[in-house]
Amino acid sequence: MKVTARLHATLRRPVSDGYQNRVTVELDEGATVASLLKTLEIGLAPEHLLVLLGQQRIDPEHALHDGDAVQIFPPISGG
């Protein structure tokens, strides 16, 4: 199945002409958010990320489906 991930802020990936913020990956049926994060080699613990499907927050055990589009946000601080 194919899942699209939109990477925000520091999770964007550098490419030759800027940054890539949208990645489509092929995952096995029954894949979860945790397996998506592992495939993307995010490097942060899932509980430190905000992952949305539509406008709903989903947890690392959430099962993904073909065609899902998730947004992934890193921890952000400011003042």
PDB file of N, CA and C in Angstrom:
ATOM      1  N   MET A   1       0.838  -1.171   0.000  1.00  0.00           N
ATOM      2  CA  MET A   1       0.000   0.000   0.000  1.00  0.00           C
ATOM      3  C   MET A   1       0.883   1.234   0.000  1.00  0.00           C
ATOM      4  N   LYS A   2       0.355   2.336  -0.543  1.00  0.00           N
ATOM      5  CA  LYS A   2       1.107   3.588  -0.586  1.00  0.00           C
ATOM      6  C   LYS A   2       0.527   4.575   0.422  1.00  0.00           C
ATOM      7  N   VAL A   3       1.433   5.207   1.168  1.00  0.00           N
ATOM      8  CA  VAL A   3       1.069   6.217   2.156  1.00  0.00           C
ATOM      9  C   VAL A   3       1.928   7.447   1.890  1.00  0.00           C
ATOM     10  N   THR A   4       1.316   8.610   1.963  1.00  0.00           N
ATOM     11  CA  THR A   4       2.055   9.856   1.775  1.00  0.00           C
ATOM     12  C   THR A   4       2.250  10.524   3.124  1.00  0.00           C
ATOM     13  N   ALA A   5       3.472  10.974   3.379  1.00  0.00           N
ATOM     14  CA  ALA A   5       3.788  11.686   4.612  1.00  0.00           C
ATOM     15  C   ALA A   5       4.240  13.092   4.269  1.00  0.00           C
ATOM     16  N   ARG A   6       3.646  14.067   4.917  1.00  0.00           N
ATOM     17  CA  ARG A   6       4.085  15.452   4.773  1.00  0.00           C
ATOM     18  C   ARG A   6       4.924  15.781   5.993  1.00  0.00           C
ATOM     19  N   LEU A   7       6.171  16.127   5.756  1.00  0.00           N
ATOM     20  CA  LEU A   7       7.137  16.386   6.818  1.00  0.00           C
ATOM     21  C   LEU A   7       7.224  17.892   7.060  1.00  0.00           C
ATOM     22  N   HIS A   8       7.131  18.282   8.317  1.00  0.00           N
ATOM     23  CA  HIS A   8       7.133  19.703   8.663  1.00  0.00           C
ATOM     24  C   HIS A   8       8.415  20.096   9.395  1.00  0.00           C
ATOM     25  N   ALA A   9       8.774  21.355   9.258  1.00  0.00           N
ATOM     26  CA  ALA A   9       9.890  21.998   9.970  1.00  0.00           C
ATOM     27  C   ALA A   9      11.194  21.217   9.768  1.00  0.00           C
ATOM     28  N   THR A  10      11.833  20.826  10.860  1.00  0.00           N
ATOM     29  CA  THR A  10      13.148  20.185  10.788  1.00  0.00           C
ATOM     30  C   THR A  10      13.109  18.770  10.227  1.00  0.00           C
ATOM     31  N   LEU A  11      11.942  18.214  10.005  1.00  0.00           N
ATOM     32  CA  LEU A  11      11.841  16.865   9.448  1.00  0.00           C
ATOM     33  C   LEU A  11      11.961  16.864   7.923  1.00  0.00           C
ATOM     34  N   ARG A  12      11.835  18.042   7.297  1.00  0.00           N
ATOM     35  CA  ARG A  12      11.985  18.115   5.840  1.00  0.00           C
ATOM     36  C   ARG A  12      13.370  17.606   5.453  1.00  0.00           C
ATOM     37  N   ARG A  13      13.474  17.054   4.261  1.00  0.00           N
ATOM     38  CA  ARG A  13      14.729  16.444   3.809  1.00  0.00           C
ATOM     39  C   ARG A  13      15.406  17.318   2.762  1.00  0.00           C
ATOM     40  N   PRO A  14      16.708  17.575   2.970  1.00  0.00           N
ATOM     41  CA  PRO A  14      17.417  18.373   1.971  1.00  0.00           C
ATOM     42  C   PRO A  14      17.599  17.599   0.666  1.00  0.00           C
ATOM     43  N   VAL A  15      17.355  18.278  -0.431  1.00  0.00           N
ATOM     44  CA  VAL A  15      17.599  17.748  -1.768  1.00  0.00           C
ATOM     45  C   VAL A  15      18.379  18.807  -2.537  1.00  0.00           C
ATOM     46  N   SER A  16      18.811  18.476  -3.729  1.00  0.00           N
ATOM     47  CA  SER A  16      19.704  19.368  -4.475  1.00  0.00           C
ATOM     48  C   SER A  16      19.146  20.770  -4.703  1.00  0.00           C
ATOM     49  N   ASP A  17      17.840  20.914  -4.825  1.00  0.00           N
ATOM     50  CA  ASP A  17      17.273  22.232  -5.115  1.00  0.00           C
ATOM     51  C   ASP A  17      16.397  22.776  -3.989  1.00  0.00           C
ATOM     52  N   GLY A  18      16.651  22.380  -2.756  1.00  0.00           N
ATOM     53  CA  GLY A  18      15.882  22.883  -1.625  1.00  0.00           C
ATOM     54  C   GLY A  18      15.573  21.792  -0.621  1.00  0.00           C
ATOM     55  N   TYR A  19      14.308  21.708  -0.263  1.00  0.00           N
ATOM     56  CA  TYR A  19      13.875  20.715   0.724  1.00  0.00           C
ATOM     57  C   TYR A  19      12.680  19.937   0.199  1.00  0.00           C
ATOM     58  N   GLN A  20      12.651  18.660   0.539  1.00  0.00           N
ATOM     59  CA  GLN A  20      11.522  17.801   0.199  1.00  0.00           C
ATOM     60  C   GLN A  20      10.657  17.685   1.440  1.00  0.00           C
ATOM     61  N   ASN A  21       9.386  18.040   1.303  1.00  0.00           N
ATOM     62  CA  ASN A  21       8.511  17.951   2.470  1.00  0.00           C
ATOM     63  C   ASN A  21       7.381  16.942   2.287  1.00  0.00           C
ATOM     64  N   ARG A  22       7.332  16.275   1.154  1.00  0.00           N
ATOM     65  CA  ARG A  22       6.295  15.273   0.900  1.00  0.00           C
ATOM     66  C   ARG A  22       6.964  14.010   0.376  1.00  0.00           C
ATOM     67  N   VAL A  23       6.683  12.885   1.045  1.00  0.00           N
ATOM     68  CA  VAL A  23       7.294  11.609   0.685  1.00  0.00           C
ATOM     69  C   VAL A  23       6.192  10.562   0.580  1.00  0.00           C
ATOM     70  N   THR A  24       6.192   9.791  -0.494  1.00  0.00           N
ATOM     71  CA  THR A  24       5.265   8.672  -0.637  1.00  0.00           C
ATOM     72  C   THR A  24       6.071   7.393  -0.504  1.00  0.00           C
ATOM     73  N   VAL A  25       5.612   6.508   0.376  1.00  0.00           N
ATOM     74  CA  VAL A  25       6.323   5.255   0.624  1.00  0.00           C
ATOM     75  C   VAL A  25       5.389   4.074   0.423  1.00  0.00           C
ATOM     76  N   GLU A  26       5.974   2.963   0.096  1.00  0.00           N
ATOM     77  CA  GLU A  26       5.257   1.695  -0.049  1.00  0.00           C
ATOM     78  C   GLU A  26       5.423   0.940   1.264  1.00  0.00           C
ATOM     79  N   LEU A  27       4.297   0.554   1.887  1.00  0.00           N
ATOM     80  CA  LEU A  27       4.315  -0.175   3.153  1.00  0.00           C
ATOM     81  C   LEU A  27       3.524  -1.465   3.006  1.00  0.00           C
ATOM     82  N   ASP A  28       3.814  -2.422   3.877  1.00  0.00           N
ATOM     83  CA  ASP A  28       3.053  -3.671   3.909  1.00  0.00           C
ATOM     84  C   ASP A  28       1.650  -3.407   4.447  1.00  0.00           C
ATOM     85  N   GLU A  29       0.693  -4.206   4.016  1.00  0.00           N
ATOM     86  CA  GLU A  29      -0.656  -4.118   4.561  1.00  0.00           C
ATOM     87  C   GLU A  29      -0.576  -4.277   6.077  1.00  0.00           C
ATOM     88  N   GLY A  30      -1.383  -3.516   6.787  1.00  0.00           N
ATOM     89  CA  GLY A  30      -1.390  -3.586   8.245  1.00  0.00           C
ATOM     90  C   GLY A  30      -0.319  -2.747   8.905  1.00  0.00           C
ATOM     91  N   ALA A  31       0.421  -1.965   8.122  1.00  0.00           N
ATOM     92  CA  ALA A  31       1.469  -1.117   8.689  1.00  0.00           C
ATOM     93  C   ALA A  31       0.860  -0.070   9.615  1.00  0.00           C
ATOM     94  N   THR A  32       1.631   0.333  10.597  1.00  0.00           N
ATOM     95  CA  THR A  32       1.184   1.317  11.571  1.00  0.00           C
ATOM     96  C   THR A  32       1.985   2.613  11.406  1.00  0.00           C
ATOM     97  N   VAL A  33       1.581   3.615  12.160  1.00  0.00           N
ATOM     98  CA  VAL A  33       2.330   4.874  12.174  1.00  0.00           C
ATOM     99  C   VAL A  33       3.769   4.606  12.601  1.00  0.00           C
ATOM    100  N   ALA A  34       3.973   3.752  13.602  1.00  0.00           N
ATOM    101  CA  ALA A  34       5.323   3.440  14.068  1.00  0.00           C
ATOM    102  C   ALA A  34       6.170   2.844  12.947  1.00  0.00           C
ATOM    103  N   SER A  35       5.589   1.962  12.137  1.00  0.00           N
ATOM    104  CA  SER A  35       6.367   1.376  11.043  1.00  0.00           C
ATOM    105  C   SER A  35       6.638   2.408   9.952  1.00  0.00           C
ATOM    106  N   LEU A  36       5.727   3.351   9.740  1.00  0.00           N
ATOM    107  CA  LEU A  36       5.979   4.443   8.800  1.00  0.00           C
ATOM    108  C   LEU A  36       7.154   5.287   9.271  1.00  0.00           C
ATOM    109  N   LEU A  37       7.166   5.640  10.548  1.00  0.00           N
ATOM    110  CA  LEU A  37       8.256   6.446  11.092  1.00  0.00           C
ATOM    111  C   LEU A  37       9.593   5.721  10.973  1.00  0.00           C
ATOM    112  N   LYS A  38       9.568   4.418  11.193  1.00  0.00           N
ATOM    113  CA  LYS A  38      10.796   3.626  11.055  1.00  0.00           C
ATOM    114  C   LYS A  38      11.259   3.615   9.595  1.00  0.00           C
ATOM    115  N   THR A  39      10.338   3.437   8.667  1.00  0.00           N
ATOM    116  CA  THR A  39      10.676   3.439   7.240  1.00  0.00           C
ATOM    117  C   THR A  39      11.265   4.786   6.822  1.00  0.00           C
ATOM    118  N   LEU A  40      10.717   5.864   7.358  1.00  0.00           N
ATOM    119  CA  LEU A  40      11.195   7.204   7.022  1.00  0.00           C
ATOM    120  C   LEU A  40      12.484   7.572   7.755  1.00  0.00           C
ATOM    121  N   GLU A  41      12.903   6.716   8.688  1.00  0.00           N
ATOM    122  CA  GLU A  41      14.119   6.948   9.472  1.00  0.00           C
ATOM    123  C   GLU A  41      14.104   8.322  10.134  1.00  0.00           C
ATOM    124  N   ILE A  42      12.977   8.614  10.796  1.00  0.00           N
ATOM    125  CA  ILE A  42      12.805   9.911  11.453  1.00  0.00           C
ATOM    126  C   ILE A  42      13.828  10.103  12.573  1.00  0.00           C
ATOM    127  N   GLY A  43      14.096   9.083  13.371  1.00  0.00           N
ATOM    128  CA  GLY A  43      15.110   9.187  14.407  1.00  0.00           C
ATOM    129  C   GLY A  43      14.633   9.763  15.727  1.00  0.00           C
ATOM    130  N   LEU A  44      13.383  10.101  15.836  1.00  0.00           N
ATOM    131  CA  LEU A  44      12.814  10.570  17.092  1.00  0.00           C
ATOM    132  C   LEU A  44      11.789   9.554  17.572  1.00  0.00           C
ATOM    133  N   ALA A  45      11.649   9.457  18.880  1.00  0.00           N
ATOM    134  CA  ALA A  45      10.656   8.543  19.438  1.00  0.00           C
ATOM    135  C   ALA A  45       9.259   9.000  19.020  1.00  0.00           C
ATOM    136  N   PRO A  46       8.388   8.061  18.631  1.00  0.00           N
ATOM    137  CA  PRO A  46       7.045   8.425  18.172  1.00  0.00           C
ATOM    138  C   PRO A  46       6.275   9.304  19.152  1.00  0.00           C
ATOM    139  N   GLU A  47       6.495   9.102  20.447  1.00  0.00           N
ATOM    140  CA  GLU A  47       5.756   9.903  21.426  1.00  0.00           C
ATOM    141  C   GLU A  47       6.213  11.362  21.460  1.00  0.00           C
ATOM    142  N   HIS A  48       7.315  11.676  20.791  1.00  0.00           N
ATOM    143  CA  HIS A  48       7.800  13.054  20.719  1.00  0.00           C
ATOM    144  C   HIS A  48       7.322  13.775  19.463  1.00  0.00           C
ATOM    145  N   LEU A  49       6.543  13.106  18.645  1.00  0.00           N
ATOM    146  CA  LEU A  49       6.071  13.672  17.388  1.00  0.00           C
ATOM    147  C   LEU A  49       4.561  13.886  17.433  1.00  0.00           C
ATOM    148  N   LEU A  50       4.097  14.827  16.654  1.00  0.00           N
ATOM    149  CA  LEU A  50       2.667  15.013  16.445  1.00  0.00           C
ATOM    150  C   LEU A  50       2.364  14.468  15.056  1.00  0.00           C
ATOM    151  N   VAL A  51       1.514  13.434  14.994  1.00  0.00           N
ATOM    152  CA  VAL A  51       1.153  12.826  13.718  1.00  0.00           C
ATOM    153  C   VAL A  51      -0.356  12.980  13.534  1.00  0.00           C
ATOM    154  N   LEU A  52      -0.727  13.565  12.394  1.00  0.00           N
ATOM    155  CA  LEU A  52      -2.130  13.810  12.098  1.00  0.00           C
ATOM    156  C   LEU A  52      -2.566  13.060  10.853  1.00  0.00           C
ATOM    157  N   LEU A  53      -3.783  12.558  10.893  1.00  0.00           N
ATOM    158  CA  LEU A  53      -4.452  11.993   9.715  1.00  0.00           C
ATOM    159  C   LEU A  53      -5.696  12.855   9.539  1.00  0.00           C
ATOM    160  N   GLY A  54      -5.709  13.654   8.488  1.00  0.00           N
ATOM    161  CA  GLY A  54      -6.740  14.687   8.384  1.00  0.00           C
ATOM    162  C   GLY A  54      -6.438  15.711   9.456  1.00  0.00           C
ATOM    163  N   GLN A  55      -7.404  15.965  10.311  1.00  0.00           N
ATOM    164  CA  GLN A  55      -7.187  16.893  11.423  1.00  0.00           C
ATOM    165  C   GLN A  55      -7.179  16.171  12.762  1.00  0.00           C
ATOM    166  N   GLN A  56      -7.074  14.848  12.724  1.00  0.00           N
ATOM    167  CA  GLN A  56      -7.130  14.055  13.954  1.00  0.00           C
ATOM    168  C   GLN A  56      -5.750  13.525  14.300  1.00  0.00           C
ATOM    169  N   ARG A  57      -5.361  13.696  15.557  1.00  0.00           N
ATOM    170  CA  ARG A  57      -4.092  13.151  16.032  1.00  0.00           C
ATOM    171  C   ARG A  57      -4.206  11.633  16.119  1.00  0.00           C
ATOM    172  N   ILE A  58      -3.163  10.945  15.647  1.00  0.00           N
ATOM    173  CA  ILE A  58      -3.167   9.485  15.716  1.00  0.00           C
ATOM    174  C   ILE A  58      -1.925   9.021  16.461  1.00  0.00           C
ATOM    175  N   ASP A  59      -2.030   7.854  17.101  1.00  0.00           N
ATOM    176  CA  ASP A  59      -0.918   7.344  17.896  1.00  0.00           C
ATOM    177  C   ASP A  59      -0.086   6.349  17.090  1.00  0.00           C
ATOM    178  N   PRO A  60       1.070   5.944  17.628  1.00  0.00           N
ATOM    179  CA  PRO A  60       1.977   5.062  16.885  1.00  0.00           C
ATOM    180  C   PRO A  60       1.380   3.712  16.494  1.00  0.00           C
ATOM    181  N   GLU A  61       0.380   3.232  17.218  1.00  0.00           N
ATOM    182  CA  GLU A  61      -0.226   1.935  16.923  1.00  0.00           C
ATOM    183  C   GLU A  61      -1.347   2.021  15.899  1.00  0.00           C
ATOM    184  N   HIS A  62      -1.680   3.216  15.463  1.00  0.00           N
ATOM    185  CA  HIS A  62      -2.768   3.403  14.500  1.00  0.00           C
ATOM    186  C   HIS A  62      -2.434   2.697  13.181  1.00  0.00           C
ATOM    187  N   ALA A  63      -3.341   1.857  12.708  1.00  0.00           N
ATOM    188  CA  ALA A  63      -3.143   1.148  11.435  1.00  0.00           C
ATOM    189  C   ALA A  63      -3.404   2.101  10.270  1.00  0.00           C
ATOM    190  N   LEU A  64      -2.509   2.096   9.315  1.00  0.00           N
ATOM    191  CA  LEU A  64      -2.645   2.938   8.131  1.00  0.00           C
ATOM    192  C   LEU A  64      -3.296   2.156   7.003  1.00  0.00           C
ATOM    193  N   HIS A  65      -3.843   2.874   6.033  1.00  0.00           N
ATOM    194  CA  HIS A  65      -4.529   2.263   4.894  1.00  0.00           C
ATOM    195  C   HIS A  65      -3.999   2.860   3.603  1.00  0.00           C
ATOM    196  N   ASP A  66      -4.161   2.130   2.528  1.00  0.00           N
ATOM    197  CA  ASP A  66      -3.710   2.590   1.224  1.00  0.00           C
ATOM    198  C   ASP A  66      -4.300   3.968   0.914  1.00  0.00           C
ATOM    199  N   GLY A  67      -3.442   4.889   0.509  1.00  0.00           N
ATOM    200  CA  GLY A  67      -3.889   6.221   0.158  1.00  0.00           C
ATOM    201  C   GLY A  67      -3.916   7.221   1.302  1.00  0.00           C
ATOM    202  N   ASP A  68      -3.647   6.764   2.526  1.00  0.00           N
ATOM    203  CA  ASP A  68      -3.621   7.697   3.654  1.00  0.00           C
ATOM    204  C   ASP A  68      -2.554   8.761   3.436  1.00  0.00           C
ATOM    205  N   ALA A  69      -2.841   9.954   3.913  1.00  0.00           N
ATOM    206  CA  ALA A  69      -1.888  11.066   3.880  1.00  0.00           C
ATOM    207  C   ALA A  69      -1.774  11.600   5.303  1.00  0.00           C
ATOM    208  N   VAL A  70      -0.588  11.458   5.877  1.00  0.00           N
ATOM    209  CA  VAL A  70      -0.370  11.898   7.254  1.00  0.00           C
ATOM    210  C   VAL A  70       0.562  13.096   7.261  1.00  0.00           C
ATOM    211  N   GLN A  71       0.444  13.877   8.318  1.00  0.00           N
ATOM    212  CA  GLN A  71       1.347  14.992   8.538  1.00  0.00           C
ATOM    213  C   GLN A  71       2.146  14.695   9.792  1.00  0.00           C
ATOM    214  N   ILE A  72       3.442  14.964   9.733  1.00  0.00           N
ATOM    215  CA  ILE A  72       4.329  14.664  10.857  1.00  0.00           C
ATOM    216  C   ILE A  72       5.039  15.942  11.281  1.00  0.00           C
ATOM    217  N   PHE A  73       4.876  16.302  12.545  1.00  0.00           N
ATOM    218  CA  PHE A  73       5.480  17.504  13.108  1.00  0.00           C
ATOM    219  C   PHE A  73       6.488  17.124  14.189  1.00  0.00           C
ATOM    220  N   PRO A  74       7.655  17.762  14.191  1.00  0.00           N
ATOM    221  CA  PRO A  74       8.620  17.509  15.268  1.00  0.00           C
ATOM    222  C   PRO A  74       8.232  18.294  16.508  1.00  0.00           C
ATOM    223  N   PRO A  75       8.914  18.013  17.634  1.00  0.00           N
ATOM    224  CA  PRO A  75       8.683  18.851  18.812  1.00  0.00           C
ATOM    225  C   PRO A  75       9.145  20.268  18.499  1.00  0.00           C
ATOM    226  N   ILE A  76       8.378  21.226  18.950  1.00  0.00           N
ATOM    227  CA  ILE A  76       8.693  22.626  18.674  1.00  0.00           C
ATOM    228  C   ILE A  76       8.670  23.391  19.986  1.00  0.00           C
ATOM    229  N   SER A  77       9.631  24.265  20.155  1.00  0.00           N
ATOM    230  CA  SER A  77       9.624  25.128  21.337  1.00  0.00           C
ATOM    231  C   SER A  77       9.799  26.558  20.872  1.00  0.00           C
ATOM    232  N   GLY A  78       9.462  27.441  21.714  1.00  0.00           N
ATOM    233  CA  GLY A  78       9.589  28.850  21.372  1.00  0.00           C
ATOM    234  C   GLY A  78       9.308  29.687  22.595  1.00  0.00           C
ATOM    235  N   GLY A  79       9.286  30.939  22.374  1.00  0.00           N
ATOM    236  CA  GLY A  79       9.052  31.769  23.539  1.00  0.00           C
ATOM    237  C   GLY A  79       8.590  33.127  23.170  1.00  0.00           C
TER     238      GLY A  79
END
